């Protein structure tokens, strides 16, 4: 059975780990797709390009969606976007229906590959992971992914004609970011080429939520972030941990 896999690659911590996991564990031709959807900076996209090159994927598509970025305007992650503060149970960094839009476009390219190259199975790899239910994203839940997978298969000519099948692969759906970093260390992910900071400056800020979660994950995994020396400012708790590590070694 011939298989292909498209990894949804942002250039961040989670998707880079997913790319290496797919490369090392899936017997499938590997592709990658990255979306520019009006983010406040392009640092992650640059990282995604480098990671795809290092992973030697067959093809890496970068999809420029800035012309329709207005659909994501209710998010502070988008240039000119706003913060919807009354979404009390959802993270302030939520981007409305982002995963549904990305999964739909990825599925369209995947089916094209199935038809053109006659693959018998197509896999969409997405790096959603477990998050605090009080501040989590509704479009990262397993129930959501199962529903989208069913819809994709129902809407696919390749599937309905019995030529192929499609599945969504989300191996981190029940994992924490700490679990993901531990997995990435085991897989040898080149984390020095990843980017997590929301601000997109020359250096990661070390203060935003994404930087904090990243540093905390590396600390809990017992290994310093490869970008440690690059941060504009490191949290006190991380610096204290580094001192203790140096003392032990």
Foldseek 3Di string as FASTA:
>chain_A
DAEAEEQAAQQALQSLLLLLCCLPPPPYQYEYEYEAQQFPACLSVQLRVVSCVVSVHPYYYYHYNPVVSVQQQQAPRGVNHDFPVVPQQEASRDGPCVVVVVVVVVLVVQLVCCVPVQGAEYEYEYRQADDDRSHYYPCLAPVNQVVSLVVSLVPHPCNVVNSHHYHYDHPRHHPALLVSVLSCVVSVRPQVSGDFASNHDPARAQPDPRNVSVQVSCVVNPHGRPCVVRYPDHDPVSVVSVVVVVVVD
